[in-house]
Structure formats: structure tokens, C-alpha cells
């Protein structure tokens, strides 16, 4: 009868004593590939993930009674085009006086979009401040393209 180490599909993987000689090397290589894949996924920047933008107030005019005119800008710091939903708020201290939602559509990577929004305010707006909070909104904006049949 033939020796176990000289026949079968594993005959080239065994040394003279019959032990598998490449098993530790193979397991080590598989472990390194697994660790490298996990590191690549962990440090890879996301494409289209929220957080790749900045939104700032560019103007806050509360001089007109009952309204505030708020200017803002949104900069897309991501690598892909996005749309943004912007919550515009007018407050005096911790008291909300008015708010509104504005959309910025199709903002290319690295581009900045600006807008002005009229916000209806309740009460005296003297001493009020304006703020904006944006979020990625790549959903439907409700506008339809009527140029196609």
C-alpha cells in the first residue's frame, strides 16, 4: 500500500513527515487579506454619505414686521452631485419665531448653492437670530419633467 503522503490531491502540500507544509502560510495569508479588506472599507471615504457638506447663514434681515429674510449657502464637499433639504429657523433666545424648509437641487461636487428665504415670524423679531440646518435629500422634490412624452 502506498504512503499517505505520496498519493492524493494533497501530496504536493505535505512534507516528508506527512504534515501539511503550506497550511500555516495559507491561513496567515487569508488572515492578512481579511484584515486589509476591513481596513480598506473602514478608511474609504463614502460617496454620497451625509456629512460631506456645509451650510451657513449669509444674511438675516429681521427689520420688516412679520417676516425675516434669511440668506444661506450650502457647499457640497462630497465627490458626487446631491440635493439638500435646508431647515431655516428664526429664534429669539430659545423662543422659535418662525421656520421654513428650502431645497437646493443638483449641487455638483465642490459647488456652492445660495438662496434667500422669506420666513413668516410671530411676535417681535427684534434681537432675533437665524440658523440653517441642511441634510442630504436625494429623493424626489415633487417637480416633474414635462418635456418628455
Foldseek 3Di string as FASTA:
>chain_A
DDDPCCDDPCVVQADPVGDRNCVVVVVVVVVVVVVVVVVCVVPPDDAPDKPQKDKWWPDWAQPDPQKIKTKMKMFRQGQAWFKKKKKKWKAAPPHTFWIDIDIGHGAGHGGMDMDIDMTGGPDRRVRIDMDMDMITDRDDPPDDDPPDD
